[in-house]
PDB file of N, CA and C in Angstrom:
ATOM      1  N   MET A   1     -12.104  15.898 -16.911  1.00  0.00           N
ATOM      2  CA  MET A   1     -10.861  15.359 -17.409  1.00  0.00           C
ATOM      3  C   MET A   1     -10.100  14.736 -16.246  1.00  0.00           C
ATOM      4  N   GLY A   2      -9.548  13.534 -16.429  1.00  0.00           N
ATOM      5  CA  GLY A   2      -8.867  12.803 -15.369  1.00  0.00           C
ATOM      6  C   GLY A   2      -7.431  13.246 -15.177  1.00  0.00           C
ATOM      7  N   ARG A   3      -6.797  12.615 -14.219  1.00  0.00           N
ATOM      8  CA  ARG A   3      -5.390  12.888 -13.948  1.00  0.00           C
ATOM      9  C   ARG A   3      -4.549  12.400 -15.116  1.00  0.00           C
ATOM     10  N   ARG A   4      -3.423  13.061 -15.313  1.00  0.00           N
ATOM     11  CA  ARG A   4      -2.542  12.654 -16.402  1.00  0.00           C
ATOM     12  C   ARG A   4      -1.898  11.318 -16.080  1.00  0.00           C
ATOM     13  N   LYS A   5      -1.805  10.496 -17.069  1.00  0.00           N
ATOM     14  CA  LYS A   5      -1.122   9.216 -16.953  1.00  0.00           C
ATOM     15  C   LYS A   5       0.184   9.314 -17.730  1.00  0.00           C
ATOM     16  N   ASN A   6       1.120   8.492 -17.379  1.00  0.00           N
ATOM     17  CA  ASN A   6       2.419   8.514 -18.035  1.00  0.00           C
ATOM     18  C   ASN A   6       2.414   7.533 -19.203  1.00  0.00           C
ATOM     19  N   PRO A   7       2.488   8.024 -20.430  1.00  0.00           N
ATOM     20  CA  PRO A   7       2.469   7.125 -21.574  1.00  0.00           C
ATOM     21  C   PRO A   7       3.805   6.406 -21.776  1.00  0.00           C
ATOM     22  N   SER A   8       4.869   6.912 -21.166  1.00  0.00           N
ATOM     23  CA  SER A   8       6.174   6.292 -21.333  1.00  0.00           C
ATOM     24  C   SER A   8       6.515   5.429 -20.120  1.00  0.00           C
ATOM     25  N   LYS A   9       7.789   5.093 -19.996  1.00  0.00           N
ATOM     26  CA  LYS A   9       8.233   4.219 -18.916  1.00  0.00           C
ATOM     27  C   LYS A   9       8.095   4.907 -17.556  1.00  0.00           C
ATOM     28  N   PRO A  10       7.782   4.118 -16.510  1.00  0.00           N
ATOM     29  CA  PRO A  10       7.691   4.682 -15.154  1.00  0.00           C
ATOM     30  C   PRO A  10       9.052   5.198 -14.677  1.00  0.00           C
ATOM     31  N   THR A  11       9.031   6.283 -13.919  1.00  0.00           N
ATOM     32  CA  THR A  11      10.265   6.841 -13.362  1.00  0.00           C
ATOM     33  C   THR A  11      10.659   6.045 -12.128  1.00  0.00           C
ATOM     34  N   ALA A  12      11.847   6.320 -11.613  1.00  0.00           N
ATOM     35  CA  ALA A  12      12.327   5.644 -10.403  1.00  0.00           C
ATOM     36  C   ALA A  12      11.410   5.951  -9.214  1.00  0.00           C
ATOM     37  N   GLU A  13      10.914   7.182  -9.147  1.00  0.00           N
ATOM     38  CA  GLU A  13      10.007   7.566  -8.054  1.00  0.00           C
ATOM     39  C   GLU A  13       8.695   6.781  -8.133  1.00  0.00           C
ATOM     40  N   MET A  14       8.174   6.636  -9.334  1.00  0.00           N
ATOM     41  CA  MET A  14       6.921   5.900  -9.517  1.00  0.00           C
ATOM     42  C   MET A  14       7.106   4.426  -9.164  1.00  0.00           C
ATOM     43  N   LYS A  15       8.251   3.850  -9.540  1.00  0.00           N
ATOM     44  CA  LYS A  15       8.531   2.452  -9.215  1.00  0.00           C
ATOM     45  C   LYS A  15       8.664   2.259  -7.708  1.00  0.00           C
ATOM     46  N   ALA A  16       9.334   3.200  -7.048  1.00  0.00           N
ATOM     47  CA  ALA A  16       9.496   3.110  -5.591  1.00  0.00           C
ATOM     48  C   ALA A  16       8.148   3.210  -4.886  1.00  0.00           C
ATOM     49  N   ARG A  17       7.295   4.142  -5.346  1.00  0.00           N
ATOM     50  CA  ARG A  17       5.962   4.286  -4.757  1.00  0.00           C
ATOM     51  C   ARG A  17       5.156   3.007  -4.972  1.00  0.00           C
ATOM     52  N   ALA A  18       5.241   2.427  -6.172  1.00  0.00           N
ATOM     53  CA  ALA A  18       4.507   1.192  -6.479  1.00  0.00           C
ATOM     54  C   ALA A  18       4.959   0.070  -5.560  1.00  0.00           C
ATOM     55  N   ARG A  19       6.273  -0.080  -5.354  1.00  0.00           N
ATOM     56  CA  ARG A  19       6.789  -1.124  -4.459  1.00  0.00           C
ATOM     57  C   ARG A  19       6.320  -0.903  -3.029  1.00  0.00           C
ATOM     58  N   GLU A  20       6.364   0.352  -2.587  1.00  0.00           N
ATOM     59  CA  GLU A  20       5.955   0.686  -1.219  1.00  0.00           C
ATOM     60  C   GLU A  20       4.482   0.333  -0.987  1.00  0.00           C
ATOM     61  N   TRP A  21       3.625   0.714  -1.909  1.00  0.00           N
ATOM     62  CA  TRP A  21       2.183   0.440  -1.754  1.00  0.00           C
ATOM     63  C   TRP A  21       1.904  -1.056  -1.795  1.00  0.00           C
ATOM     64  N   ARG A  22       2.524  -1.779  -2.740  1.00  0.00           N
ATOM     65  CA  ARG A  22       2.306  -3.234  -2.833  1.00  0.00           C
ATOM     66  C   ARG A  22       2.812  -3.932  -1.581  1.00  0.00           C
ATOM     67  N   ARG A  23       4.014  -3.551  -1.126  1.00  0.00           N
ATOM     68  CA  ARG A  23       4.601  -4.174   0.058  1.00  0.00           C
ATOM     69  C   ARG A  23       3.698  -3.951   1.268  1.00  0.00           C
ATOM     70  N   PHE A  24       3.203  -2.740   1.444  1.00  0.00           N
ATOM     71  CA  PHE A  24       2.305  -2.429   2.558  1.00  0.00           C
ATOM     72  C   PHE A  24       1.062  -3.303   2.498  1.00  0.00           C
ATOM     73  N   ARG A  25       0.462  -3.397   1.319  1.00  0.00           N
ATOM     74  CA  ARG A  25      -0.758  -4.195   1.175  1.00  0.00           C
ATOM     75  C   ARG A  25      -0.503  -5.670   1.470  1.00  0.00           C
ATOM     76  N   PHE A  26       0.561  -6.220   0.896  1.00  0.00           N
ATOM     77  CA  PHE A  26       0.844  -7.637   1.086  1.00  0.00           C
ATOM     78  C   PHE A  26       1.207  -7.939   2.534  1.00  0.00           C
ATOM     79  N   ASP A  27       2.037  -7.110   3.143  1.00  0.00           N
ATOM     80  CA  ASP A  27       2.457  -7.348   4.531  1.00  0.00           C
ATOM     81  C   ASP A  27       1.292  -7.268   5.507  1.00  0.00           C
ATOM     82  N   ASN A  28       0.306  -6.474   5.170  1.00  0.00           N
ATOM     83  CA  ASN A  28      -0.845  -6.299   6.061  1.00  0.00           C
ATOM     84  C   ASN A  28      -2.078  -7.040   5.564  1.00  0.00           C
ATOM     85  N   MET A  29      -1.881  -7.877   4.546  1.00  0.00           N
ATOM     86  CA  MET A  29      -2.937  -8.719   3.987  1.00  0.00           C
ATOM     87  C   MET A  29      -4.192  -7.918   3.639  1.00  0.00           C
ATOM     88  N   LEU A  30      -3.984  -6.839   2.909  1.00  0.00           N
ATOM     89  CA  LEU A  30      -5.092  -5.998   2.463  1.00  0.00           C
ATOM     90  C   LEU A  30      -5.281  -6.164   0.959  1.00  0.00           C
ATOM     91  N   SER A  31      -6.511  -6.229   0.531  1.00  0.00           N
ATOM     92  CA  SER A  31      -6.795  -6.241  -0.904  1.00  0.00           C
ATOM     93  C   SER A  31      -6.811  -4.799  -1.401  1.00  0.00           C
ATOM     94  N   GLN A  32      -6.778  -4.635  -2.696  1.00  0.00           N
ATOM     95  CA  GLN A  32      -6.888  -3.289  -3.251  1.00  0.00           C
ATOM     96  C   GLN A  32      -8.239  -2.679  -2.885  1.00  0.00           C
ATOM     97  N   ASN A  33      -9.284  -3.502  -2.870  1.00  0.00           N
ATOM     98  CA  ASN A  33     -10.614  -2.999  -2.507  1.00  0.00           C
ATOM     99  C   ASN A  33     -10.651  -2.507  -1.064  1.00  0.00           C
ATOM    100  N   THR A  34     -10.068  -3.285  -0.152  1.00  0.00           N
ATOM    101  CA  THR A  34     -10.053  -2.891   1.257  1.00  0.00           C
ATOM    102  C   THR A  34      -9.254  -1.609   1.448  1.00  0.00           C
ATOM    103  N   LEU A  35      -8.076  -1.548   0.846  1.00  0.00           N
ATOM    104  CA  LEU A  35      -7.246  -0.351   0.968  1.00  0.00           C
ATOM    105  C   LEU A  35      -7.959   0.864   0.391  1.00  0.00           C
ATOM    106  N   SER A  36      -8.633   0.674  -0.720  1.00  0.00           N
ATOM    107  CA  SER A  36      -9.344   1.813  -1.325  1.00  0.00           C
ATOM    108  C   SER A  36     -10.476   2.294  -0.415  1.00  0.00           C
ATOM    109  N   ASP A  37     -11.166   1.373   0.239  1.00  0.00           N
ATOM    110  CA  ASP A  37     -12.233   1.767   1.165  1.00  0.00           C
ATOM    111  C   ASP A  37     -11.681   2.538   2.357  1.00  0.00           C
ATOM    112  N   VAL A  38     -10.568   2.074   2.885  1.00  0.00           N
ATOM    113  CA  VAL A  38      -9.978   2.717   4.068  1.00  0.00           C
ATOM    114  C   VAL A  38      -9.442   4.104   3.733  1.00  0.00           C
ATOM    115  N   ILE A  39      -8.749   4.231   2.609  1.00  0.00           N
ATOM    116  CA  ILE A  39      -8.156   5.505   2.228  1.00  0.00           C
ATOM    117  C   ILE A  39      -9.199   6.456   1.639  1.00  0.00           C
ATOM    118  N   GLY A  40     -10.215   5.897   1.004  1.00  0.00           N
ATOM    119  CA  GLY A  40     -11.254   6.729   0.415  1.00  0.00           C
ATOM    120  C   GLY A  40     -10.980   7.112  -1.029  1.00  0.00           C
ATOM    121  N   ILE A  41     -10.307   6.212  -1.752  1.00  0.00           N
ATOM    122  CA  ILE A  41     -10.060   6.433  -3.173  1.00  0.00           C
ATOM    123  C   ILE A  41     -10.548   5.203  -3.929  1.00  0.00           C
ATOM    124  N   SER A  42     -10.510   5.249  -5.236  1.00  0.00           N
ATOM    125  CA  SER A  42     -10.986   4.110  -6.016  1.00  0.00           C
ATOM    126  C   SER A  42      -9.934   3.005  -6.078  1.00  0.00           C
ATOM    127  N   ARG A  43     -10.417   1.780  -6.292  1.00  0.00           N
ATOM    128  CA  ARG A  43      -9.517   0.644  -6.449  1.00  0.00           C
ATOM    129  C   ARG A  43      -8.670   0.833  -7.708  1.00  0.00           C
ATOM    130  N   ARG A  44      -9.243   1.451  -8.701  1.00  0.00           N
ATOM    131  CA  ARG A  44      -8.520   1.687  -9.946  1.00  0.00           C
ATOM    132  C   ARG A  44      -7.311   2.595  -9.722  1.00  0.00           C
ATOM    133  N   THR A  45      -7.455   3.595  -8.857  1.00  0.00           N
ATOM    134  CA  THR A  45      -6.329   4.477  -8.550  1.00  0.00           C
ATOM    135  C   THR A  45      -5.210   3.683  -7.884  1.00  0.00           C
ATOM    136  N   ILE A  46      -5.571   2.818  -6.942  1.00  0.00           N
ATOM    137  CA  ILE A  46      -4.555   1.988  -6.281  1.00  0.00           C
ATOM    138  C   ILE A  46      -3.879   1.084  -7.308  1.00  0.00           C
ATOM    139  N   ASN A  47      -4.667   0.490  -8.174  1.00  0.00           N
ATOM    140  CA  ASN A  47      -4.115  -0.359  -9.222  1.00  0.00           C
ATOM    141  C   ASN A  47      -3.137   0.426 -10.095  1.00  0.00           C
ATOM    142  N   ASN A  48      -3.507   1.655 -10.474  1.00  0.00           N
ATOM    143  CA  ASN A  48      -2.635   2.484 -11.314  1.00  0.00           C
ATOM    144  C   ASN A  48      -1.355   2.874 -10.587  1.00  0.00           C
ATOM    145  N   ILE A  49      -1.446   3.194  -9.309  1.00  0.00           N
ATOM    146  CA  ILE A  49      -0.252   3.552  -8.532  1.00  0.00           C
ATOM    147  C   ILE A  49       0.678   2.345  -8.444  1.00  0.00           C
ATOM    148  N   GLU A  50       0.120   1.176  -8.137  1.00  0.00           N
ATOM    149  CA  GLU A  50       0.944  -0.024  -8.003  1.00  0.00           C
ATOM    150  C   GLU A  50       1.518  -0.496  -9.337  1.00  0.00           C
ATOM    151  N   ALA A  51       0.871  -0.122 -10.427  1.00  0.00           N
ATOM    152  CA  ALA A  51       1.367  -0.485 -11.753  1.00  0.00           C
ATOM    153  C   ALA A  51       2.354   0.552 -12.290  1.00  0.00           C
ATOM    154  N   GLY A  52       2.508   1.663 -11.576  1.00  0.00           N
ATOM    155  CA  GLY A  52       3.413   2.710 -12.028  1.00  0.00           C
ATOM    156  C   GLY A  52       2.818   3.551 -13.141  1.00  0.00           C
ATOM    157  N   ILE A  53       1.494   3.544 -13.258  1.00  0.00           N
ATOM    158  CA  ILE A  53       0.819   4.312 -14.302  1.00  0.00           C
ATOM    159  C   ILE A  53       0.488   5.717 -13.815  1.00  0.00           C
ATOM    160  N   GLU A  54       0.107   5.821 -12.562  1.00  0.00           N
ATOM    161  CA  GLU A  54      -0.321   7.108 -11.991  1.00  0.00           C
ATOM    162  C   GLU A  54       0.909   7.992 -11.801  1.00  0.00           C
ATOM    163  N   VAL A  55       0.976   9.085 -12.547  1.00  0.00           N
ATOM    164  CA  VAL A  55       2.132   9.971 -12.511  1.00  0.00           C
ATOM    165  C   VAL A  55       2.150  10.819 -11.253  1.00  0.00           C
ATOM    166  N   ASN A  56       1.043  11.448 -10.967  1.00  0.00           N
ATOM    167  CA  ASN A  56       0.960  12.402  -9.876  1.00  0.00           C
ATOM    168  C   ASN A  56      -0.301  12.184  -9.052  1.00  0.00           C
ATOM    169  N   PRO A  57      -0.277  11.246  -8.083  1.00  0.00           N
ATOM    170  CA  PRO A  57      -1.479  11.082  -7.266  1.00  0.00           C
ATOM    171  C   PRO A  57      -1.758  12.364  -6.485  1.00  0.00           C
ATOM    172  N   HIS A  58      -3.013  12.592  -6.162  1.00  0.00           N
ATOM    173  CA  HIS A  58      -3.379  13.766  -5.368  1.00  0.00           C
ATOM    174  C   HIS A  58      -2.628  13.749  -4.036  1.00  0.00           C
ATOM    175  N   LYS A  59      -2.329  14.933  -3.537  1.00  0.00           N
ATOM    176  CA  LYS A  59      -1.636  15.045  -2.255  1.00  0.00           C
ATOM    177  C   LYS A  59      -2.454  14.396  -1.148  1.00  0.00           C
ATOM    178  N   ARG A  60      -3.765  14.535  -1.193  1.00  0.00           N
ATOM    179  CA  ARG A  60      -4.598  13.944  -0.136  1.00  0.00           C
ATOM    180  C   ARG A  60      -4.556  12.415  -0.186  1.00  0.00           C
ATOM    181  N   THR A  61      -4.348  11.849  -1.373  1.00  0.00           N
ATOM    182  CA  THR A  61      -4.200  10.396  -1.492  1.00  0.00           C
ATOM    183  C   THR A  61      -2.919   9.952  -0.815  1.00  0.00           C
ATOM    184  N   LEU A  62      -1.832  10.652  -1.092  1.00  0.00           N
ATOM    185  CA  LEU A  62      -0.545  10.313  -0.476  1.00  0.00           C
ATOM    186  C   LEU A  62      -0.583  10.545   1.034  1.00  0.00           C
ATOM    187  N   ASP A  63      -1.242  11.616   1.465  1.00  0.00           N
ATOM    188  CA  ASP A  63      -1.368  11.901   2.898  1.00  0.00           C
ATOM    189  C   ASP A  63      -2.188  10.822   3.605  1.00  0.00           C
ATOM    190  N   ALA A  64      -3.265  10.377   2.966  1.00  0.00           N
ATOM    191  CA  ALA A  64      -4.109   9.337   3.560  1.00  0.00           C
ATOM    192  C   ALA A  64      -3.330   8.029   3.685  1.00  0.00           C
ATOM    193  N   PHE A  65      -2.529   7.704   2.681  1.00  0.00           N
ATOM    194  CA  PHE A  65      -1.716   6.490   2.739  1.00  0.00           C
ATOM    195  C   PHE A  65      -0.673   6.598   3.846  1.00  0.00           C
ATOM    196  N   SER A  66      -0.019   7.742   3.957  1.00  0.00           N
ATOM    197  CA  SER A  66       0.982   7.953   5.015  1.00  0.00           C
ATOM    198  C   SER A  66       0.350   7.860   6.398  1.00  0.00           C
ATOM    199  N   ALA A  67      -0.849   8.424   6.548  1.00  0.00           N
ATOM    200  CA  ALA A  67      -1.549   8.361   7.833  1.00  0.00           C
ATOM    201  C   ALA A  67      -1.901   6.923   8.185  1.00  0.00           C
ATOM    202  N   LEU A  68      -2.321   6.139   7.192  1.00  0.00           N
ATOM    203  CA  LEU A  68      -2.647   4.736   7.435  1.00  0.00           C
ATOM    204  C   LEU A  68      -1.401   3.964   7.840  1.00  0.00           C
ATOM    205  N   GLN A  69      -0.284   4.220   7.183  1.00  0.00           N
ATOM    206  CA  GLN A  69       0.975   3.578   7.559  1.00  0.00           C
ATOM    207  C   GLN A  69       1.329   3.897   9.012  1.00  0.00           C
ATOM    208  N   ALA A  70       1.155   5.149   9.402  1.00  0.00           N
ATOM    209  CA  ALA A  70       1.466   5.562  10.771  1.00  0.00           C
ATOM    210  C   ALA A  70       0.589   4.826  11.778  1.00  0.00           C
ATOM    211  N   VAL A  71      -0.681   4.651  11.461  1.00  0.00           N
ATOM    212  CA  VAL A  71      -1.591   3.927  12.355  1.00  0.00           C
ATOM    213  C   VAL A  71      -1.124   2.480  12.510  1.00  0.00           C
ATOM    214  N   TYR A  72      -0.766   1.847  11.404  1.00  0.00           N
ATOM    215  CA  TYR A  72      -0.314   0.462  11.470  1.00  0.00           C
ATOM    216  C   TYR A  72       0.981   0.343  12.270  1.00  0.00           C
ATOM    217  N   GLU A  73       1.872   1.301  12.128  1.00  0.00           N
ATOM    218  CA  GLU A  73       3.122   1.275  12.892  1.00  0.00           C
ATOM    219  C   GLU A  73       2.859   1.451  14.382  1.00  0.00           C
ATOM    220  N   ARG A  74       1.951   2.376  14.726  1.00  0.00           N
ATOM    221  CA  ARG A  74       1.605   2.606  16.137  1.00  0.00           C
ATOM    222  C   ARG A  74       0.987   1.375  16.773  1.00  0.00           C
ATOM    223  N   GLU A  75       0.184   0.662  16.011  1.00  0.00           N
ATOM    224  CA  GLU A  75      -0.500  -0.504  16.543  1.00  0.00           C
ATOM    225  C   GLU A  75       0.357  -1.761  16.482  1.00  0.00           C
ATOM    226  N   GLY A  76       1.569  -1.627  15.977  1.00  0.00           N
ATOM    227  CA  GLY A  76       2.480  -2.756  15.943  1.00  0.00           C
ATOM    228  C   GLY A  76       2.203  -3.755  14.836  1.00  0.00           C
ATOM    229  N   LYS A  77       1.462  -3.339  13.832  1.00  0.00           N
ATOM    230  CA  LYS A  77       1.208  -4.226  12.698  1.00  0.00           C
ATOM    231  C   LYS A  77       2.427  -4.199  11.790  1.00  0.00           C
ATOM    232  N   PRO A  78       2.589  -5.192  10.925  1.00  0.00           N
ATOM    233  CA  PRO A  78       3.812  -5.319  10.130  1.00  0.00           C
ATOM    234  C   PRO A  78       4.222  -4.086   9.343  1.00  0.00           C
ATOM    235  N   CYS A  79       3.324  -3.503   8.551  1.00  0.00           N
ATOM    236  CA  CYS A  79       3.570  -2.259   7.809  1.00  0.00           C
ATOM    237  C   CYS A  79       4.908  -2.241   7.076  1.00  0.00           C
ATOM    238  N   GLY A  80       5.156  -3.241   6.261  1.00  0.00           N
ATOM    239  CA  GLY A  80       6.357  -3.232   5.437  1.00  0.00           C
ATOM    240  C   GLY A  80       7.556  -3.881   6.079  1.00  0.00           C
ATOM    241  N   LYS A  81       7.442  -4.324   7.311  1.00  0.00           N
ATOM    242  CA  LYS A  81       8.548  -5.004   7.968  1.00  0.00           C
ATOM    243  C   LYS A  81       8.440  -6.494   7.668  1.00  0.00           C
ATOM    244  N   PRO A  82       9.566  -7.163   7.450  1.00  0.00           N
ATOM    245  CA  PRO A  82       9.487  -8.580   7.125  1.00  0.00           C
ATOM    246  C   PRO A  82       8.915  -9.377   8.304  1.00  0.00           C
ATOM    247  N   LYS A  83       8.086 -10.332   7.979  1.00  0.00           N
ATOM    248  CA  LYS A  83       7.515 -11.186   9.015  1.00  0.00           C
ATOM    249  C   LYS A  83       8.488 -12.323   9.290  1.00  0.00           C
ATOM    250  N   ARG A  84       8.575 -12.703  10.538  1.00  0.00           N
ATOM    251  CA  ARG A  84       9.398 -13.845  10.893  1.00  0.00           C
ATOM    252  C   ARG A  84       8.481 -15.046  11.004  1.00  0.00           C
ATOM    253  N   LYS A  85       8.916 -16.161  10.462  1.00  0.00           N
ATOM    254  CA  LYS A  85       8.079 -17.344  10.388  1.00  0.00           C
ATOM    255  C   LYS A  85       7.590 -17.774  11.760  1.00  0.00           C
ATOM    256  N   HIS A  86       8.451 -17.753  12.758  1.00  0.00           N
ATOM    257  CA  HIS A  86       8.051 -18.248  14.073  1.00  0.00           C
ATOM    258  C   HIS A  86       7.059 -17.319  14.784  1.00  0.00           C
ATOM    259  N   ASP A  87       6.906 -16.088  14.315  1.00  0.00           N
ATOM    260  CA  ASP A  87       5.920 -15.177  14.911  1.00  0.00           C
ATOM    261  C   ASP A  87       4.496 -15.546  14.529  1.00  0.00           C
ATOM    262  N   THR A  88       4.344 -16.251  13.411  1.00  0.00           N
ATOM    263  CA  THR A  88       3.005 -16.559  12.941  1.00  0.00           C
ATOM    264  C   THR A  88       2.551 -17.967  13.271  1.00  0.00           C
ATOM    265  N   ILE A  89       3.444 -18.769  13.806  1.00  0.00           N
ATOM    266  CA  ILE A  89       3.104 -20.158  14.133  1.00  0.00           C
ATOM    267  C   ILE A  89       2.904 -20.283  15.638  1.00  0.00           C
ATOM    268  N   GLN A  90       1.750 -20.754  16.025  1.00  0.00           N
ATOM    269  CA  GLN A  90       1.496 -20.992  17.452  1.00  0.00           C
ATOM    270  C   GLN A  90       1.933 -22.394  17.810  1.00  0.00           C
ATOM    271  N   LYS A  91       2.470 -22.543  19.006  1.00  0.00           N
ATOM    272  CA  LYS A  91       2.831 -23.868  19.473  1.00  0.00           C
ATOM    273  C   LYS A  91       1.554 -24.635  19.759  1.00  0.00           C
ATOM    274  N   GLN A  92       1.605 -25.925  19.558  1.00  0.00           N
ATOM    275  CA  GLN A  92       0.432 -26.739  19.775  1.00  0.00           C
ATOM    276  C   GLN A  92       0.010 -26.653  21.238  1.00  0.00           C
ATOM    277  N   GLY A  93      -1.274 -26.435  21.463  1.00  0.00           N
ATOM    278  CA  GLY A  93      -1.793 -26.333  22.830  1.00  0.00           C
ATOM    279  C   GLY A  93      -1.906 -24.899  23.328  1.00  0.00           C
ATOM    280  N   GLU A  94      -1.287 -23.918  22.654  1.00  0.00           N
ATOM    281  CA  GLU A  94      -1.400 -22.523  23.067  1.00  0.00           C
ATOM    282  C   GLU A  94      -2.553 -21.867  22.314  1.00  0.00           C
ATOM    283  N   PHE A  95      -3.304 -21.051  23.017  1.00  0.00           N
ATOM    284  CA  PHE A  95      -4.428 -20.359  22.377  1.00  0.00           C
ATOM    285  C   PHE A  95      -4.342 -18.900  22.606  1.00  0.00           C
TER     286      PHE A  95
END
């Protein structure tokens, strides 16, 4: 038997988690497949979390996501921070 899904409207906590996961993925240019491989969960679980369907993800899923966020922060990757346009554009002639 699988994890319980929420048949009604998503709660504020579920919406916040969905925004956090989507923002992390988009800011770090990760697909759901890539994120699922890194964390070690199914792409469907990530899809359900981002859609606000997953009511109670496993603690190890949340811990793995938090650990990945920490790694990205340590390495100076965006991890949910807004990108500045001039940071991504190289001046002509610079390599």
